[in-house]
Amino acid sequence: PKGMALPATDENRKVYEQRKAELIKKAQDSLNAAKERAARVTGLDLTVPMLASDEGKLYGSVGATEIVRAASMVEIDLKRHEIDLPEGSIRAIGSFPVVARLHSEVTAQFTVTVVAGKGA
């Protein structure tokens, strides 16, 4: 009565199978694109210059936005929501592991090196 189901006729089954094949192909294309992006990102070492004190503490922090900006400088396409900082925002000079969750099944690990310099 609410139009949520269709009778199991041959015509409706064909439409269902066709739609199912389209969705499977779209999901596979998305997964393949994520795997290609992961291959480019894995092992990458991004350098982010930030203003820092003599002790190595940053005036501010490095978060997903700064990492995305640094990645775009080397022509790597990342989005803020894909960046996972396991230890939270970076607040000191050094090298830190970062995980990019590019797809529900695909992750890529890379390194962000924060150096003292002109900040973002």
PDB file of N, CA and C in Angstrom:
ATOM      1  N   PRO A   1       0.803  -1.211   0.000  1.00  0.00           N
ATOM      2  CA  PRO A   1       0.000   0.000   0.000  1.00  0.00           C
ATOM      3  C   PRO A   1       0.844   1.273   0.000  1.00  0.00           C
ATOM      4  N   LYS A   2       2.027   1.224   0.559  1.00  0.00           N
ATOM      5  CA  LYS A   2       2.869   2.422   0.628  1.00  0.00           C
ATOM      6  C   LYS A   2       3.805   2.537  -0.572  1.00  0.00           C
ATOM      7  N   GLY A   3       3.748   1.627  -1.485  1.00  0.00           N
ATOM      8  CA  GLY A   3       4.580   1.696  -2.685  1.00  0.00           C
ATOM      9  C   GLY A   3       6.035   1.331  -2.437  1.00  0.00           C
ATOM     10  N   MET A   4       6.307   0.593  -1.379  1.00  0.00           N
ATOM     11  CA  MET A   4       7.683   0.232  -1.052  1.00  0.00           C
ATOM     12  C   MET A   4       8.128  -1.063  -1.715  1.00  0.00           C
ATOM     13  N   ALA A   5       7.228  -1.816  -2.251  1.00  0.00           N
ATOM     14  CA  ALA A   5       7.563  -3.089  -2.881  1.00  0.00           C
ATOM     15  C   ALA A   5       6.881  -3.185  -4.240  1.00  0.00           C
ATOM     16  N   LEU A   6       7.451  -4.020  -5.073  1.00  0.00           N
ATOM     17  CA  LEU A   6       6.875  -4.265  -6.394  1.00  0.00           C
ATOM     18  C   LEU A   6       6.556  -5.742  -6.523  1.00  0.00           C
ATOM     19  N   PRO A   7       5.592  -6.080  -7.330  1.00  0.00           N
ATOM     20  CA  PRO A   7       5.321  -7.496  -7.579  1.00  0.00           C
ATOM     21  C   PRO A   7       6.525  -8.137  -8.282  1.00  0.00           C
ATOM     22  N   ALA A   8       6.760  -9.393  -8.002  1.00  0.00           N
ATOM     23  CA  ALA A   8       7.909 -10.098  -8.560  1.00  0.00           C
ATOM     24  C   ALA A   8       7.612 -10.587  -9.977  1.00  0.00           C
ATOM     25  N   THR A   9       7.392  -9.651 -10.885  1.00  0.00           N
ATOM     26  CA  THR A   9       7.163 -10.012 -12.286  1.00  0.00           C
ATOM     27  C   THR A   9       8.507 -10.080 -12.993  1.00  0.00           C
ATOM     28  N   ASP A  10       8.512 -10.688 -14.169  1.00  0.00           N
ATOM     29  CA  ASP A  10       9.755 -10.794 -14.939  1.00  0.00           C
ATOM     30  C   ASP A  10      10.316  -9.417 -15.275  1.00  0.00           C
ATOM     31  N   GLU A  11       9.452  -8.498 -15.625  1.00  0.00           N
ATOM     32  CA  GLU A  11       9.896  -7.144 -15.977  1.00  0.00           C
ATOM     33  C   GLU A  11      10.521  -6.433 -14.768  1.00  0.00           C
ATOM     34  N   ASN A  12       9.904  -6.547 -13.610  1.00  0.00           N
ATOM     35  CA  ASN A  12      10.440  -5.910 -12.400  1.00  0.00           C
ATOM     36  C   ASN A  12      11.752  -6.563 -11.978  1.00  0.00           C
ATOM     37  N   ARG A  13      11.880  -7.866 -12.187  1.00  0.00           N
ATOM     38  CA  ARG A  13      13.141  -8.547 -11.862  1.00  0.00           C
ATOM     39  C   ARG A  13      14.269  -8.056 -12.762  1.00  0.00           C
ATOM     40  N   LYS A  14      13.977  -7.843 -14.030  1.00  0.00           N
ATOM     41  CA  LYS A  14      14.991  -7.330 -14.959  1.00  0.00           C
ATOM     42  C   LYS A  14      15.452  -5.941 -14.531  1.00  0.00           C
ATOM     43  N   VAL A  15      14.500  -5.086 -14.168  1.00  0.00           N
ATOM     44  CA  VAL A  15      14.837  -3.733 -13.708  1.00  0.00           C
ATOM     45  C   VAL A  15      15.689  -3.810 -12.447  1.00  0.00           C
ATOM     46  N   TYR A  16      15.302  -4.690 -11.522  1.00  0.00           N
ATOM     47  CA  TYR A  16      16.054  -4.871 -10.286  1.00  0.00           C
ATOM     48  C   TYR A  16      17.481  -5.340 -10.564  1.00  0.00           C
ATOM     49  N   GLU A  17      17.630  -6.347 -11.406  1.00  0.00           N
ATOM     50  CA  GLU A  17      18.962  -6.876 -11.725  1.00  0.00           C
ATOM     51  C   GLU A  17      19.817  -5.820 -12.423  1.00  0.00           C
ATOM     52  N   GLN A  18      19.221  -5.040 -13.304  1.00  0.00           N
ATOM     53  CA  GLN A  18      19.948  -3.986 -14.005  1.00  0.00           C
ATOM     54  C   GLN A  18      20.424  -2.924 -13.008  1.00  0.00           C
ATOM     55  N   ARG A  19      19.560  -2.505 -12.119  1.00  0.00           N
ATOM     56  CA  ARG A  19      19.911  -1.501 -11.106  1.00  0.00           C
ATOM     57  C   ARG A  19      20.982  -2.033 -10.160  1.00  0.00           C
ATOM     58  N   LYS A  20      20.858  -3.314  -9.799  1.00  0.00           N
ATOM     59  CA  LYS A  20      21.845  -3.944  -8.924  1.00  0.00           C
ATOM     60  C   LYS A  20      23.223  -3.953  -9.589  1.00  0.00           C
ATOM     61  N   ALA A  21      23.275  -4.277 -10.871  1.00  0.00           N
ATOM     62  CA  ALA A  21      24.545  -4.298 -11.607  1.00  0.00           C
ATOM     63  C   ALA A  21      25.159  -2.902 -11.669  1.00  0.00           C
ATOM     64  N   GLU A  22      24.319  -1.890 -11.868  1.00  0.00           N
ATOM     65  CA  GLU A  22      24.816  -0.509 -11.903  1.00  0.00           C
ATOM     66  C   GLU A  22      25.420  -0.117 -10.555  1.00  0.00           C
ATOM     67  N   LEU A  23      24.737  -0.464  -9.471  1.00  0.00           N
ATOM     68  CA  LEU A  23      25.239  -0.121  -8.138  1.00  0.00           C
ATOM     69  C   LEU A  23      26.535  -0.850  -7.815  1.00  0.00           C
ATOM     70  N   ILE A  24      26.632  -2.104  -8.213  1.00  0.00           N
ATOM     71  CA  ILE A  24      27.868  -2.867  -7.979  1.00  0.00           C
ATOM     72  C   ILE A  24      29.012  -2.255  -8.767  1.00  0.00           C
ATOM     73  N   LYS A  25      28.778  -1.860 -10.003  1.00  0.00           N
ATOM     74  CA  LYS A  25      29.822  -1.244 -10.820  1.00  0.00           C
ATOM     75  C   LYS A  25      30.259   0.088 -10.222  1.00  0.00           C
ATOM     76  N   LYS A  26      29.306   0.877  -9.762  1.00  0.00           N
ATOM     77  CA  LYS A  26      29.625   2.174  -9.154  1.00  0.00           C
ATOM     78  C   LYS A  26      30.454   1.981  -7.890  1.00  0.00           C
ATOM     79  N   ALA A  27      30.090   1.004  -7.059  1.00  0.00           N
ATOM     80  CA  ALA A  27      30.843   0.728  -5.838  1.00  0.00           C
ATOM     81  C   ALA A  27      32.252   0.246  -6.160  1.00  0.00           C
ATOM     82  N   GLN A  28      32.386  -0.580  -7.188  1.00  0.00           N
ATOM     83  CA  GLN A  28      33.704  -1.082  -7.583  1.00  0.00           C
ATOM     84  C   GLN A  28      34.576   0.049  -8.128  1.00  0.00           C
ATOM     85  N   ASP A  29      33.989   0.938  -8.920  1.00  0.00           N
ATOM     86  CA  ASP A  29      34.732   2.091  -9.440  1.00  0.00           C
ATOM     87  C   ASP A  29      35.216   2.981  -8.304  1.00  0.00           C
ATOM     88  N   SER A  30      34.368   3.202  -7.318  1.00  0.00           N
ATOM     89  CA  SER A  30      34.737   4.014  -6.161  1.00  0.00           C
ATOM     90  C   SER A  30      35.886   3.370  -5.391  1.00  0.00           C
ATOM     91  N   LEU A  31      35.828   2.072  -5.205  1.00  0.00           N
ATOM     92  CA  LEU A  31      36.886   1.349  -4.504  1.00  0.00           C
ATOM     93  C   LEU A  31      38.193   1.413  -5.281  1.00  0.00           C
ATOM     94  N   ASN A  32      38.143   1.225  -6.595  1.00  0.00           N
ATOM     95  CA  ASN A  32      39.354   1.290  -7.415  1.00  0.00           C
ATOM     96  C   ASN A  32      39.980   2.680  -7.388  1.00  0.00           C
ATOM     97  N   ALA A  33      39.147   3.722  -7.428  1.00  0.00           N
ATOM     98  CA  ALA A  33      39.664   5.090  -7.361  1.00  0.00           C
ATOM     99  C   ALA A  33      40.332   5.336  -6.014  1.00  0.00           C
ATOM    100  N   ALA A  34      39.755   4.831  -4.945  1.00  0.00           N
ATOM    101  CA  ALA A  34      40.346   4.992  -3.621  1.00  0.00           C
ATOM    102  C   ALA A  34      41.679   4.250  -3.522  1.00  0.00           C
ATOM    103  N   LYS A  35      41.763   3.076  -4.130  1.00  0.00           N
ATOM    104  CA  LYS A  35      43.021   2.320  -4.115  1.00  0.00           C
ATOM    105  C   LYS A  35      44.116   3.059  -4.882  1.00  0.00           C
ATOM    106  N   GLU A  36      43.755   3.691  -5.994  1.00  0.00           N
ATOM    107  CA  GLU A  36      44.732   4.467  -6.767  1.00  0.00           C
ATOM    108  C   GLU A  36      45.232   5.660  -5.948  1.00  0.00           C
ATOM    109  N   ARG A  37      44.316   6.351  -5.284  1.00  0.00           N
ATOM    110  CA  ARG A  37      44.708   7.483  -4.439  1.00  0.00           C
ATOM    111  C   ARG A  37      45.591   7.010  -3.288  1.00  0.00           C
ATOM    112  N   ALA A  38      45.257   5.855  -2.702  1.00  0.00           N
ATOM    113  CA  ALA A  38      46.041   5.314  -1.593  1.00  0.00           C
ATOM    114  C   ALA A  38      47.466   5.002  -2.029  1.00  0.00           C
ATOM    115  N   ALA A  39      47.628   4.527  -3.248  1.00  0.00           N
ATOM    116  CA  ALA A  39      48.970   4.226  -3.761  1.00  0.00           C
ATOM    117  C   ALA A  39      49.815   5.491  -3.843  1.00  0.00           C
ATOM    118  N   ARG A  40      49.191   6.619  -4.171  1.00  0.00           N
ATOM    119  CA  ARG A  40      49.925   7.889  -4.255  1.00  0.00           C
ATOM    120  C   ARG A  40      50.243   8.447  -2.870  1.00  0.00           C
ATOM    121  N   VAL A  41      49.371   8.183  -1.895  1.00  0.00           N
ATOM    122  CA  VAL A  41      49.519   8.780  -0.567  1.00  0.00           C
ATOM    123  C   VAL A  41      50.403   7.953   0.362  1.00  0.00           C
ATOM    124  N   THR A  42      50.344   6.634   0.246  1.00  0.00           N
ATOM    125  CA  THR A  42      51.089   5.759   1.147  1.00  0.00           C
ATOM    126  C   THR A  42      52.581   6.054   1.084  1.00  0.00           C
ATOM    127  N   GLY A  43      53.170   6.244   2.260  1.00  0.00           N
ATOM    128  CA  GLY A  43      54.598   6.513   2.350  1.00  0.00           C
ATOM    129  C   GLY A  43      54.996   7.946   2.081  1.00  0.00           C
ATOM    130  N   LEU A  44      54.047   8.787   1.770  1.00  0.00           N
ATOM    131  CA  LEU A  44      54.309  10.199   1.485  1.00  0.00           C
ATOM    132  C   LEU A  44      54.822  10.895   2.741  1.00  0.00           C
ATOM    133  N   ASP A  45      55.722  11.851   2.582  1.00  0.00           N
ATOM    134  CA  ASP A  45      56.205  12.656   3.702  1.00  0.00           C
ATOM    135  C   ASP A  45      55.909  14.111   3.383  1.00  0.00           C
ATOM    136  N   LEU A  46      54.867  14.649   4.004  1.00  0.00           N
ATOM    137  CA  LEU A  46      54.481  16.049   3.802  1.00  0.00           C
ATOM    138  C   LEU A  46      55.208  16.926   4.808  1.00  0.00           C
ATOM    139  N   THR A  47      55.686  18.071   4.353  1.00  0.00           N
ATOM    140  CA  THR A  47      56.338  19.024   5.236  1.00  0.00           C
ATOM    141  C   THR A  47      55.423  20.220   5.434  1.00  0.00           C
ATOM    142  N   VAL A  48      55.192  20.549   6.712  1.00  0.00           N
ATOM    143  CA  VAL A  48      54.329  21.679   7.053  1.00  0.00           C
ATOM    144  C   VAL A  48      55.151  22.666   7.866  1.00  0.00           C
ATOM    145  N   PRO A  49      55.433  23.869   7.318  1.00  0.00           N
ATOM    146  CA  PRO A  49      56.152  24.875   8.103  1.00  0.00           C
ATOM    147  C   PRO A  49      55.181  25.616   9.027  1.00  0.00           C
ATOM    148  N   MET A  50      55.594  25.783  10.278  1.00  0.00           N
ATOM    149  CA  MET A  50      54.766  26.488  11.261  1.00  0.00           C
ATOM    150  C   MET A  50      55.669  27.344  12.144  1.00  0.00           C
ATOM    151  N   LEU A  51      55.110  28.439  12.645  1.00  0.00           N
ATOM    152  CA  LEU A  51      55.836  29.254  13.610  1.00  0.00           C
ATOM    153  C   LEU A  51      55.986  28.460  14.901  1.00  0.00           C
ATOM    154  N   ALA A  52      57.214  28.451  15.450  1.00  0.00           N
ATOM    155  CA  ALA A  52      57.469  27.652  16.647  1.00  0.00           C
ATOM    156  C   ALA A  52      58.421  28.391  17.570  1.00  0.00           C
ATOM    157  N   SER A  53      58.346  28.032  18.833  1.00  0.00           N
ATOM    158  CA  SER A  53      59.261  28.612  19.824  1.00  0.00           C
ATOM    159  C   SER A  53      60.603  27.908  19.728  1.00  0.00           C
ATOM    160  N   ASP A  54      61.585  28.417  20.482  1.00  0.00           N
ATOM    161  CA  ASP A  54      62.914  27.809  20.480  1.00  0.00           C
ATOM    162  C   ASP A  54      62.889  26.395  21.067  1.00  0.00           C
ATOM    163  N   GLU A  55      61.907  26.108  21.912  1.00  0.00           N
ATOM    164  CA  GLU A  55      61.794  24.778  22.520  1.00  0.00           C
ATOM    165  C   GLU A  55      61.122  23.770  21.596  1.00  0.00           C
ATOM    166  N   GLY A  56      60.595  24.220  20.458  1.00  0.00           N
ATOM    167  CA  GLY A  56      59.960  23.311  19.507  1.00  0.00           C
ATOM    168  C   GLY A  56      58.456  23.228  19.625  1.00  0.00           C
ATOM    169  N   LYS A  57      57.867  24.061  20.475  1.00  0.00           N
ATOM    170  CA  LYS A  57      56.405  24.079  20.589  1.00  0.00           C
ATOM    171  C   LYS A  57      55.840  25.044  19.560  1.00  0.00           C
ATOM    172  N   LEU A  58      54.744  24.652  18.968  1.00  0.00           N
ATOM    173  CA  LEU A  58      54.137  25.464  17.915  1.00  0.00           C
ATOM    174  C   LEU A  58      53.268  26.570  18.494  1.00  0.00           C
ATOM    175  N   TYR A  59      53.236  27.684  17.774  1.00  0.00           N
ATOM    176  CA  TYR A  59      52.283  28.738  18.076  1.00  0.00           C
ATOM    177  C   TYR A  59      51.020  28.386  17.291  1.00  0.00           C
ATOM    178  N   GLY A  60      50.190  27.564  17.860  1.00  0.00           N
ATOM    179  CA  GLY A  60      49.025  27.041  17.168  1.00  0.00           C
ATOM    180  C   GLY A  60      49.167  25.533  17.069  1.00  0.00           C
ATOM    181  N   SER A  61      48.527  24.942  16.090  1.00  0.00           N
ATOM    182  CA  SER A  61      48.621  23.498  15.914  1.00  0.00           C
ATOM    183  C   SER A  61      48.433  23.147  14.442  1.00  0.00           C
ATOM    184  N   VAL A  62      48.825  21.938  14.109  1.00  0.00           N
ATOM    185  CA  VAL A  62      48.651  21.431  12.756  1.00  0.00           C
ATOM    186  C   VAL A  62      47.501  20.424  12.807  1.00  0.00           C
ATOM    187  N   GLY A  63      46.452  20.726  12.061  1.00  0.00           N
ATOM    188  CA  GLY A  63      45.290  19.847  11.995  1.00  0.00           C
ATOM    189  C   GLY A  63      45.052  19.395  10.572  1.00  0.00           C
ATOM    190  N   ALA A  64      43.888  18.881  10.338  1.00  0.00           N
ATOM    191  CA  ALA A  64      43.538  18.342   9.021  1.00  0.00           C
ATOM    192  C   ALA A  64      43.595  19.409   7.930  1.00  0.00           C
ATOM    193  N   THR A  65      43.185  20.628   8.245  1.00  0.00           N
ATOM    194  CA  THR A  65      43.182  21.700   7.240  1.00  0.00           C
ATOM    195  C   THR A  65      44.591  21.988   6.736  1.00  0.00           C
ATOM    196  N   GLU A  66      45.551  22.091   7.645  1.00  0.00           N
ATOM    197  CA  GLU A  66      46.941  22.356   7.248  1.00  0.00           C
ATOM    198  C   GLU A  66      47.527  21.182   6.461  1.00  0.00           C
ATOM    199  N   ILE A  67      47.154  19.970   6.832  1.00  0.00           N
ATOM    200  CA  ILE A  67      47.657  18.793   6.124  1.00  0.00           C
ATOM    201  C   ILE A  67      47.094  18.751   4.706  1.00  0.00           C
ATOM    202  N   VAL A  68      45.815  19.062   4.550  1.00  0.00           N
ATOM    203  CA  VAL A  68      45.196  19.100   3.218  1.00  0.00           C
ATOM    204  C   VAL A  68      45.858  20.177   2.369  1.00  0.00           C
ATOM    205  N   ARG A  69      46.151  21.328   2.968  1.00  0.00           N
ATOM    206  CA  ARG A  69      46.808  22.421   2.248  1.00  0.00           C
ATOM    207  C   ARG A  69      48.207  21.996   1.781  1.00  0.00           C
ATOM    208  N   ALA A  70      48.960  21.317   2.656  1.00  0.00           N
ATOM    209  CA  ALA A  70      50.302  20.842   2.293  1.00  0.00           C
ATOM    210  C   ALA A  70      50.228  19.778   1.201  1.00  0.00           C
ATOM    211  N   ALA A  71      49.219  18.924   1.260  1.00  0.00           N
ATOM    212  CA  ALA A  71      49.057  17.887   0.234  1.00  0.00           C
ATOM    213  C   ALA A  71      48.721  18.506  -1.114  1.00  0.00           C
ATOM    214  N   SER A  72      47.918  19.558  -1.103  1.00  0.00           N
ATOM    215  CA  SER A  72      47.558  20.197  -2.373  1.00  0.00           C
ATOM    216  C   SER A  72      48.770  20.860  -3.017  1.00  0.00           C
ATOM    217  N   MET A  73      49.753  21.261  -2.212  1.00  0.00           N
ATOM    218  CA  MET A  73      50.978  21.865  -2.760  1.00  0.00           C
ATOM    219  C   MET A  73      51.790  20.854  -3.571  1.00  0.00           C
ATOM    220  N   VAL A  74      51.669  19.578  -3.233  1.00  0.00           N
ATOM    221  CA  VAL A  74      52.377  18.530  -3.989  1.00  0.00           C
ATOM    222  C   VAL A  74      51.405  17.760  -4.876  1.00  0.00           C
ATOM    223  N   GLU A  75      50.253  18.376  -5.160  1.00  0.00           N
ATOM    224  CA  GLU A  75      49.245  17.857  -6.078  1.00  0.00           C
ATOM    225  C   GLU A  75      48.679  16.501  -5.660  1.00  0.00           C
ATOM    226  N   ILE A  76      48.435  16.357  -4.357  1.00  0.00           N
ATOM    227  CA  ILE A  76      47.746  15.193  -3.821  1.00  0.00           C
ATOM    228  C   ILE A  76      46.380  15.671  -3.359  1.00  0.00           C
ATOM    229  N   ASP A  77      45.333  14.999  -3.805  1.00  0.00           N
ATOM    230  CA  ASP A  77      43.974  15.408  -3.480  1.00  0.00           C
ATOM    231  C   ASP A  77      43.488  14.683  -2.228  1.00  0.00           C
ATOM    232  N   LEU A  78      43.444  15.407  -1.114  1.00  0.00           N
ATOM    233  CA  LEU A  78      42.889  14.891   0.134  1.00  0.00           C
ATOM    234  C   LEU A  78      41.801  15.840   0.603  1.00  0.00           C
ATOM    235  N   LYS A  79      40.907  15.321   1.413  1.00  0.00           N
ATOM    236  CA  LYS A  79      39.853  16.144   1.984  1.00  0.00           C
ATOM    237  C   LYS A  79      39.952  16.087   3.509  1.00  0.00           C
ATOM    238  N   ARG A  80      39.467  17.137   4.162  1.00  0.00           N
ATOM    239  CA  ARG A  80      39.570  17.227   5.618  1.00  0.00           C
ATOM    240  C   ARG A  80      38.974  16.017   6.322  1.00  0.00           C
ATOM    241  N   HIS A  81      37.819  15.567   5.887  1.00  0.00           N
ATOM    242  CA  HIS A  81      37.157  14.469   6.578  1.00  0.00           C
ATOM    243  C   HIS A  81      37.879  13.131   6.405  1.00  0.00           C
ATOM    244  N   GLU A  82      38.828  13.059   5.481  1.00  0.00           N
ATOM    245  CA  GLU A  82      39.568  11.820   5.259  1.00  0.00           C
ATOM    246  C   GLU A  82      40.772  11.694   6.187  1.00  0.00           C
ATOM    247  N   ILE A  83      41.204  12.794   6.785  1.00  0.00           N
ATOM    248  CA  ILE A  83      42.410  12.804   7.617  1.00  0.00           C
ATOM    249  C   ILE A  83      42.077  12.332   9.023  1.00  0.00           C
ATOM    250  N   ASP A  84      42.877  11.375   9.518  1.00  0.00           N
ATOM    251  CA  ASP A  84      42.715  10.867  10.871  1.00  0.00           C
ATOM    252  C   ASP A  84      44.036  11.069  11.610  1.00  0.00           C
ATOM    253  N   LEU A  85      44.008  11.924  12.615  1.00  0.00           N
ATOM    254  CA  LEU A  85      45.191  12.159  13.440  1.00  0.00           C
ATOM    255  C   LEU A  85      45.037  11.328  14.710  1.00  0.00           C
ATOM    256  N   PRO A  86      45.737  10.196  14.811  1.00  0.00           N
ATOM    257  CA  PRO A  86      45.539   9.285  15.943  1.00  0.00           C
ATOM    258  C   PRO A  86      45.792   9.934  17.308  1.00  0.00           C
ATOM    259  N   GLU A  87      46.720  10.863  17.359  1.00  0.00           N
ATOM    260  CA  GLU A  87      47.066  11.494  18.635  1.00  0.00           C
ATOM    261  C   GLU A  87      46.498  12.898  18.759  1.00  0.00           C
ATOM    262  N   GLY A  88      45.592  13.274  17.895  1.00  0.00           N
ATOM    263  CA  GLY A  88      45.009  14.616  17.933  1.00  0.00           C
ATOM    264  C   GLY A  88      45.861  15.596  17.147  1.00  0.00           C
ATOM    265  N   SER A  89      45.534  16.878  17.279  1.00  0.00           N
ATOM    266  CA  SER A  89      46.276  17.916  16.564  1.00  0.00           C
ATOM    267  C   SER A  89      47.744  17.900  16.953  1.00  0.00           C
ATOM    268  N   ILE A  90      48.585  18.229  15.987  1.00  0.00           N
ATOM    269  CA  ILE A  90      50.029  18.242  16.207  1.00  0.00           C
ATOM    270  C   ILE A  90      50.410  19.600  16.797  1.00  0.00           C
ATOM    271  N   ARG A  91      51.153  19.587  17.915  1.00  0.00           N
ATOM    272  CA  ARG A  91      51.486  20.825  18.616  1.00  0.00           C
ATOM    273  C   ARG A  91      52.989  21.013  18.845  1.00  0.00           C
ATOM    274  N   ALA A  92      53.811  20.218  18.133  1.00  0.00           N
ATOM    275  CA  ALA A  92      55.258  20.326  18.297  1.00  0.00           C
ATOM    276  C   ALA A  92      55.946  20.040  16.970  1.00  0.00           C
ATOM    277  N   ILE A  93      57.207  20.426  16.893  1.00  0.00           N
ATOM    278  CA  ILE A  93      58.019  20.141  15.710  1.00  0.00           C
ATOM    279  C   ILE A  93      58.400  18.664  15.732  1.00  0.00           C
ATOM    280  N   GLY A  94      58.418  18.036  14.550  1.00  0.00           N
ATOM    281  CA  GLY A  94      58.800  16.632  14.449  1.00  0.00           C
ATOM    282  C   GLY A  94      58.028  15.926  13.351  1.00  0.00           C
ATOM    283  N   SER A  95      58.182  14.602  13.324  1.00  0.00           N
ATOM    284  CA  SER A  95      57.475  13.769  12.342  1.00  0.00           C
ATOM    285  C   SER A  95      56.381  12.984  13.041  1.00  0.00           C
ATOM    286  N   PHE A  96      55.220  12.941  12.423  1.00  0.00           N
ATOM    287  CA  PHE A  96      54.062  12.304  13.034  1.00  0.00           C
ATOM    288  C   PHE A  96      53.339  11.437  12.010  1.00  0.00           C
ATOM    289  N   PRO A  97      52.866  10.238  12.432  1.00  0.00           N
ATOM    290  CA  PRO A  97      52.108   9.386  11.517  1.00  0.00           C
ATOM    291  C   PRO A  97      50.679   9.906  11.367  1.00  0.00           C
ATOM    292  N   VAL A  98      50.178   9.836  10.158  1.00  0.00           N
ATOM    293  CA  VAL A  98      48.815  10.272   9.858  1.00  0.00           C
ATOM    294  C   VAL A  98      48.169   9.197   8.988  1.00  0.00           C
ATOM    295  N   VAL A  99      46.883   8.976   9.206  1.00  0.00           N
ATOM    296  CA  VAL A  99      46.140   7.996   8.423  1.00  0.00           C
ATOM    297  C   VAL A  99      45.092   8.731   7.597  1.00  0.00           C
ATOM    298  N   ALA A 100      45.017   8.382   6.321  1.00  0.00           N
ATOM    299  CA  ALA A 100      43.969   8.920   5.447  1.00  0.00           C
ATOM    300  C   ALA A 100      42.977   7.795   5.178  1.00  0.00           C
ATOM    301  N   ARG A 101      41.738   7.997   5.555  1.00  0.00           N
ATOM    302  CA  ARG A 101      40.680   7.011   5.319  1.00  0.00           C
ATOM    303  C   ARG A 101      39.959   7.405   4.030  1.00  0.00           C
ATOM    304  N   LEU A 102      40.415   6.827   2.927  1.00  0.00           N
ATOM    305  CA  LEU A 102      39.950   7.208   1.604  1.00  0.00           C
ATOM    306  C   LEU A 102      38.661   6.507   1.185  1.00  0.00           C
ATOM    307  N   HIS A 103      38.347   5.401   1.834  1.00  0.00           N
ATOM    308  CA  HIS A 103      37.168   4.607   1.517  1.00  0.00           C
ATOM    309  C   HIS A 103      36.925   3.734   2.738  1.00  0.00           C
ATOM    310  N   SER A 104      35.759   3.170   2.851  1.00  0.00           N
ATOM    311  CA  SER A 104      35.488   2.324   4.015  1.00  0.00           C
ATOM    312  C   SER A 104      36.424   1.124   4.084  1.00  0.00           C
ATOM    313  N   GLU A 105      36.977   0.717   2.950  1.00  0.00           N
ATOM    314  CA  GLU A 105      37.878  -0.428   2.896  1.00  0.00           C
ATOM    315  C   GLU A 105      39.331  -0.043   2.618  1.00  0.00           C
ATOM    316  N   VAL A 106      39.623   1.246   2.411  1.00  0.00           N
ATOM    317  CA  VAL A 106      40.962   1.661   1.994  1.00  0.00           C
ATOM    318  C   VAL A 106      41.486   2.758   2.925  1.00  0.00           C
ATOM    319  N   THR A 107      42.655   2.487   3.521  1.00  0.00           N
ATOM    320  CA  THR A 107      43.339   3.512   4.303  1.00  0.00           C
ATOM    321  C   THR A 107      44.775   3.619   3.795  1.00  0.00           C
ATOM    322  N   ALA A 108      45.358   4.770   4.019  1.00  0.00           N
ATOM    323  CA  ALA A 108      46.749   4.988   3.616  1.00  0.00           C
ATOM    324  C   ALA A 108      47.461   5.725   4.743  1.00  0.00           C
ATOM    325  N   GLN A 109      48.642   5.263   5.086  1.00  0.00           N
ATOM    326  CA  GLN A 109      49.404   5.909   6.150  1.00  0.00           C
ATOM    327  C   GLN A 109      50.548   6.692   5.528  1.00  0.00           C
ATOM    328  N   PHE A 110      50.741   7.900   6.044  1.00  0.00           N
ATOM    329  CA  PHE A 110      51.843   8.728   5.588  1.00  0.00           C
ATOM    330  C   PHE A 110      52.363   9.536   6.771  1.00  0.00           C
ATOM    331  N   THR A 111      53.399  10.315   6.534  1.00  0.00           N
ATOM    332  CA  THR A 111      54.057  11.066   7.599  1.00  0.00           C
ATOM    333  C   THR A 111      53.926  12.549   7.348  1.00  0.00           C
ATOM    334  N   VAL A 112      53.675  13.286   8.404  1.00  0.00           N
ATOM    335  CA  VAL A 112      53.679  14.745   8.349  1.00  0.00           C
ATOM    336  C   VAL A 112      54.847  15.227   9.191  1.00  0.00           C
ATOM    337  N   THR A 113      55.744  15.975   8.563  1.00  0.00           N
ATOM    338  CA  THR A 113      56.882  16.541   9.249  1.00  0.00           C
ATOM    339  C   THR A 113      56.643  18.022   9.452  1.00  0.00           C
ATOM    340  N   VAL A 114      56.611  18.436  10.703  1.00  0.00           N
ATOM    341  CA  VAL A 114      56.384  19.834  11.038  1.00  0.00           C
ATOM    342  C   VAL A 114      57.754  20.461  11.297  1.00  0.00           C
ATOM    343  N   VAL A 115      58.025  21.550  10.574  1.00  0.00           N
ATOM    344  CA  VAL A 115      59.298  22.250  10.708  1.00  0.00           C
ATOM    345  C   VAL A 115      59.031  23.703  11.107  1.00  0.00           C
ATOM    346  N   ALA A 116      60.032  24.291  11.749  1.00  0.00           N
ATOM    347  CA  ALA A 116      59.931  25.703  12.116  1.00  0.00           C
ATOM    348  C   ALA A 116      60.114  26.538  10.860  1.00  0.00           C
ATOM    349  N   GLY A 117      59.247  27.477  10.671  1.00  0.00           N
ATOM    350  CA  GLY A 117      59.325  28.322   9.492  1.00  0.00           C
ATOM    351  C   GLY A 117      58.153  29.264   9.479  1.00  0.00           C
ATOM    352  N   LYS A 118      57.939  29.866   8.339  1.00  0.00           N
ATOM    353  CA  LYS A 118      56.811  30.768   8.187  1.00  0.00           C
ATOM    354  C   LYS A 118      55.531  29.948   8.256  1.00  0.00           C
ATOM    355  N   GLY A 119      54.642  30.274   9.160  1.00  0.00           N
ATOM    356  CA  GLY A 119      53.419  29.508   9.391  1.00  0.00           C
ATOM    357  C   GLY A 119      52.402  29.643   8.291  1.00  0.00           C
ATOM    358  N   ALA A 120      51.427  28.782   8.341  1.00  0.00           N
ATOM    359  CA  ALA A 120      50.369  28.753   7.335  1.00  0.00           C
ATOM    360  C   ALA A 120      49.400  29.892   7.503  1.00  0.00           C
TER     361      ALA A 120
END
